[in-house]
Amino acid sequence: MKVNIILFIIGFTCLVTCKVSSQLKTLEIGDSVSSDDLRDSELKYVLSSKLGLVPEYKIVIDKITYKIGVDDERIVYISTKDKRFKTKENISLGMTLKAVEKLLQKKAELRIGYAWYIPLASGWNAAFIIPDYNSREPISPTSKVAFFFKE
């Protein structure tokens, strides 16, 4: 019994920390990926609001770091916190909620337990951190874009 537990822990640790190098050139939800596409990419797990826990890989494309969630060899989630990333709408990390809402003429939406976010025409969502994940209180107009995601 102890041997089985130890083997499980070793196997799970490898599964969570194994590295598999990104050969991907673009990222879109639904794109197929193979282990060759992700060779040398860091593997962890991410909680997708649509699918639950899915494998997450850290990859770099055009010097920008992304994390992708994969299910059945398809991309189901993409996020980035890379300071070099800018959306087609010209939104970047660190922009205030007030500036983004003014530029896009849209209000932020709340996904309880996750973030306030503004959906963008490009398919990206500009996300703002929630100080308390159980709160429904609006965030400050000076809150800043903390990350971008697609699902």
Protein backbone atom coordinates (compact mmCIF):
# COMPACT_ATOMS: atom_id res chain seq x y z
CA MET A 1 0.00 0.00 0.00
CA LYS A 2 2.78 2.45 0.93
CA VAL A 3 4.61 1.63 -2.32
CA ASN A 4 1.47 2.37 -4.37
CA ILE A 5 1.01 5.73 -2.64
CA ILE A 6 4.66 6.66 -3.21
CA LEU A 7 4.47 5.64 -6.88
CA PHE A 8 1.26 7.68 -7.27
CA ILE A 9 2.89 10.76 -5.71
CA ILE A 10 5.97 10.42 -7.94
CA GLY A 11 3.81 9.92 -11.05
CA PHE A 12 1.53 12.84 -10.19
CA THR A 13 4.52 15.11 -9.47
CA CYS A 14 5.96 14.28 -12.89
CA LEU A 15 2.58 14.84 -14.51
CA VAL A 16 2.27 18.30 -12.94
CA THR A 17 5.85 19.44 -13.55
CA CYS A 18 6.87 17.67 -16.77
CA LYS A 19 8.00 19.91 -19.59
CA VAL A 20 6.73 19.33 -23.06
CA SER A 21 8.58 23.06 -26.69
CA SER A 22 5.99 25.05 -28.34
CA GLN A 23 5.88 24.77 -32.09
CA LEU A 24 2.56 26.61 -32.26
CA LYS A 25 2.51 29.80 -34.35
CA THR A 26 -0.98 31.07 -33.45
CA LEU A 27 -3.48 30.52 -30.64
CA GLU A 28 -7.23 30.23 -31.02
CA ILE A 29 -9.89 28.44 -29.03
CA GLY A 30 -10.61 25.12 -30.71
CA ASP A 31 -7.21 24.83 -32.41
CA SER A 32 -5.87 21.31 -32.24
CA VAL A 33 -2.58 20.67 -30.47
CA SER A 34 -0.42 17.60 -30.20
CA SER A 35 2.35 16.64 -27.82
CA ASP A 36 4.80 17.70 -30.58
CA ASP A 37 3.26 21.20 -30.52
CA LEU A 38 3.86 21.41 -26.77
CA ARG A 39 7.26 19.79 -26.46
CA ASP A 40 9.31 21.49 -23.68
CA SER A 41 6.28 23.49 -22.49
CA GLU A 42 5.61 23.47 -18.75
CA LEU A 43 2.53 21.42 -17.75
CA LYS A 44 0.25 22.33 -14.83
CA TYR A 45 -3.53 22.34 -14.39
CA VAL A 46 -6.10 25.14 -14.66
CA LEU A 47 -9.71 25.29 -13.56
CA SER A 48 -11.79 26.14 -16.63
CA SER A 49 -15.21 27.60 -15.87
CA LYS A 50 -16.65 25.45 -18.67
CA LEU A 51 -14.78 22.14 -18.33
CA GLY A 52 -13.41 21.94 -14.80
CA LEU A 53 -9.76 20.95 -14.30
CA VAL A 54 -7.80 20.73 -17.58
CA PRO A 55 -4.08 20.43 -18.39
CA GLU A 56 -2.44 23.86 -18.76
CA TYR A 57 0.75 24.50 -20.70
CA LYS A 58 2.99 27.55 -20.51
CA ILE A 59 4.18 28.45 -24.00
CA VAL A 60 5.94 31.32 -25.76
CA ILE A 61 4.93 32.62 -29.19
CA ASP A 62 6.64 35.68 -30.71
CA LYS A 63 8.33 36.39 -27.34
CA ILE A 64 4.96 36.55 -25.51
CA THR A 65 4.21 34.03 -22.77
CA TYR A 66 0.77 32.41 -22.75
CA LYS A 67 -0.92 29.69 -20.75
CA ILE A 68 -3.26 27.38 -22.65
CA GLY A 69 -5.77 24.91 -21.30
CA VAL A 70 -6.12 21.77 -23.41
CA ASP A 71 -8.89 19.17 -23.53
CA ASP A 72 -8.98 16.30 -26.05
CA GLU A 73 -6.01 17.85 -27.91
CA ARG A 74 -7.94 21.11 -28.44
CA ILE A 75 -7.24 24.54 -26.93
CA VAL A 76 -10.10 25.45 -24.57
CA TYR A 77 -8.55 28.32 -22.61
CA ILE A 78 -5.85 30.93 -23.31
CA SER A 79 -4.48 33.56 -20.93
CA THR A 80 -1.54 35.93 -20.69
CA LYS A 81 -0.01 38.31 -18.17
CA ASP A 82 2.85 39.25 -20.47
CA LYS A 83 3.56 42.99 -20.46
CA ARG A 84 4.38 42.89 -24.20
CA PHE A 85 0.89 41.67 -25.11
CA LYS A 86 -1.56 44.17 -26.61
CA THR A 87 -4.99 43.39 -28.04
CA LYS A 88 -6.23 44.54 -31.45
CA GLU A 89 -8.27 47.12 -29.54
CA ASN A 90 -4.98 48.53 -28.18
CA ILE A 91 -5.68 47.36 -24.62
CA SER A 92 -2.64 46.39 -22.53
CA LEU A 93 -1.84 45.31 -18.99
CA GLY A 94 -1.96 48.10 -16.45
CA MET A 95 -4.66 50.16 -18.18
CA THR A 96 -7.32 51.32 -15.72
CA LEU A 97 -10.90 50.12 -15.73
CA LYS A 98 -12.00 53.70 -16.39
CA ALA A 99 -9.72 54.02 -19.44
CA VAL A 100 -10.80 50.65 -20.91
CA GLU A 101 -14.51 51.34 -20.38
CA LYS A 102 -14.14 54.79 -21.99
CA LEU A 103 -12.18 53.44 -24.97
CA LEU A 104 -14.59 50.57 -25.62
CA GLN A 105 -17.83 52.18 -24.43
CA LYS A 106 -18.52 48.99 -22.43
CA LYS A 107 -18.94 48.21 -18.75
CA ALA A 108 -17.11 45.44 -16.90
CA GLU A 109 -18.96 42.20 -16.13
CA LEU A 110 -18.48 40.05 -13.04
CA ARG A 111 -17.67 36.36 -13.06
CA ILE A 112 -18.05 35.54 -9.38
CA GLY A 113 -15.03 33.77 -7.95
CA TYR A 114 -12.88 34.72 -10.92
CA ALA A 115 -12.64 38.36 -12.02
CA TRP A 116 -14.33 41.45 -13.35
CA TYR A 117 -13.76 41.48 -17.10
CA ILE A 118 -14.62 43.31 -20.28
CA PRO A 119 -15.23 41.19 -23.42
CA LEU A 120 -13.36 42.55 -26.44
CA ALA A 121 -14.29 42.29 -30.13
CA SER A 122 -11.02 40.42 -30.74
CA GLY A 123 -12.27 37.54 -28.58
CA TRP A 124 -10.02 38.42 -25.66
CA ASN A 125 -11.34 39.47 -22.26
CA ALA A 126 -9.53 42.15 -20.25
CA ALA A 127 -9.63 40.94 -16.63
CA PHE A 128 -9.42 42.87 -13.38
CA ILE A 129 -8.60 41.16 -10.08
CA ILE A 130 -11.36 40.82 -7.47
CA PRO A 131 -10.09 41.70 -3.98
CA ASP A 132 -12.65 39.31 -2.43
CA TYR A 133 -13.74 36.40 -4.64
CA ASN A 134 -17.14 36.20 -2.92
CA SER A 135 -17.88 39.89 -3.38
CA ARG A 136 -20.30 41.32 -5.91
CA GLU A 137 -19.17 44.87 -5.16
CA PRO A 138 -17.99 46.90 -8.16
CA ILE A 139 -14.26 47.40 -8.43
CA SER A 140 -12.58 50.78 -8.37
CA PRO A 141 -12.31 52.78 -11.63
CA THR A 142 -8.55 52.83 -10.93
CA SER A 143 -8.33 49.00 -10.96
CA LYS A 144 -5.89 47.84 -13.63
CA VAL A 145 -6.02 45.14 -16.28
CA ALA A 146 -4.25 42.20 -14.61
CA PHE A 147 -4.48 39.58 -17.37
CA PHE A 148 -6.25 38.63 -20.61
CA PHE A 149 -8.12 35.42 -21.30
CA LYS A 150 -10.15 33.59 -23.96
CA GLU A 151 -12.50 30.66 -23.43
